[in-house]
Amino acid sequence: MNISLPDAVIAASALSLDATLVTRNENDFDRVPGLKVLNPFRNEG
């Protein structure tokens, strides 16, 4: 898993709080197991 240090800190923070990470940059975080990611700009419907 290749992830930058700042992204790793953000992911670890979200995981430790059992929070959903809200970002437009899903690709950097989709490799983190157990991380819930939400892109509010994606059209889900």
C-alpha atoms as a PDB file:
ATOM      1  CA  MET A   1       0.000   0.000   0.000  1.00  0.00           C
ATOM      2  CA  ASN A   2       1.551   3.271  -1.126  1.00  0.00           C
ATOM      3  CA  ILE A   3       0.114   6.195   0.801  1.00  0.00           C
ATOM      4  CA  SER A   4       1.662   9.541   1.663  1.00  0.00           C
ATOM      5  CA  LEU A   5       2.416  10.357   5.280  1.00  0.00           C
ATOM      6  CA  PRO A   6      -0.210  13.133   5.486  1.00  0.00           C
ATOM      7  CA  ASP A   7      -2.873  10.830   4.004  1.00  0.00           C
ATOM      8  CA  ALA A   8      -1.837   8.076   6.428  1.00  0.00           C
ATOM      9  CA  VAL A   9      -2.280  10.438   9.379  1.00  0.00           C
ATOM     10  CA  ILE A  10      -5.713  11.486   8.104  1.00  0.00           C
ATOM     11  CA  ALA A  11      -6.741   7.860   7.571  1.00  0.00           C
ATOM     12  CA  ALA A  12      -5.456   6.805  10.995  1.00  0.00           C
ATOM     13  CA  SER A  13      -7.359   9.641  12.641  1.00  0.00           C
ATOM     14  CA  ALA A  14     -10.606   8.641  10.948  1.00  0.00           C
ATOM     15  CA  LEU A  15     -10.075   4.968  11.803  1.00  0.00           C
ATOM     16  CA  SER A  16      -9.289   5.690  15.452  1.00  0.00           C
ATOM     17  CA  LEU A  17     -12.513   7.682  15.787  1.00  0.00           C
ATOM     18  CA  ASP A  18     -14.557   5.188  13.733  1.00  0.00           C
ATOM     19  CA  ALA A  19     -15.427   8.165  11.544  1.00  0.00           C
ATOM     20  CA  THR A  20     -16.235   8.430   7.857  1.00  0.00           C
ATOM     21  CA  LEU A  21     -13.606  10.308   5.894  1.00  0.00           C
ATOM     22  CA  VAL A  22     -15.211  12.891   3.606  1.00  0.00           C
ATOM     23  CA  THR A  23     -13.024  13.690   0.606  1.00  0.00           C
ATOM     24  CA  ARG A  24     -13.067  14.197  -3.140  1.00  0.00           C
ATOM     25  CA  ASN A  25      -9.830  12.230  -3.326  1.00  0.00           C
ATOM     26  CA  GLU A  26     -11.147   8.695  -2.835  1.00  0.00           C
ATOM     27  CA  ASN A  27      -8.348   7.018  -4.781  1.00  0.00           C
ATOM     28  CA  ASP A  28      -5.719   7.827  -2.159  1.00  0.00           C
ATOM     29  CA  PHE A  29      -7.778   6.245   0.611  1.00  0.00           C
ATOM     30  CA  ASP A  30      -9.494   3.261  -1.028  1.00  0.00           C
ATOM     31  CA  ARG A  31      -6.487   1.055  -0.205  1.00  0.00           C
ATOM     32  CA  VAL A  32      -6.888   1.537   3.545  1.00  0.00           C
ATOM     33  CA  PRO A  33      -8.695  -1.496   5.000  1.00  0.00           C
ATOM     34  CA  GLY A  34     -11.704  -0.680   7.152  1.00  0.00           C
ATOM     35  CA  LEU A  35     -11.742   3.025   6.286  1.00  0.00           C
ATOM     36  CA  LYS A  36     -15.169   4.418   5.420  1.00  0.00           C
ATOM     37  CA  VAL A  37     -14.849   7.022   2.669  1.00  0.00           C
ATOM     38  CA  LEU A  38     -17.548   9.358   1.384  1.00  0.00           C
ATOM     39  CA  ASN A  39     -17.229  11.598  -1.654  1.00  0.00           C
ATOM     40  CA  PRO A  40     -20.019  14.188  -1.345  1.00  0.00           C
ATOM     41  CA  PHE A  41     -19.517  15.220  -4.961  1.00  0.00           C
ATOM     42  CA  ARG A  42     -20.128  11.770  -6.446  1.00  0.00           C
ATOM     43  CA  ASN A  43     -23.520  11.296  -8.024  1.00  0.00           C
ATOM     44  CA  GLU A  44     -24.895   8.168  -6.345  1.00  0.00           C
ATOM     45  CA  GLY A  45     -28.262   8.270  -8.091  1.00  0.00           C
END
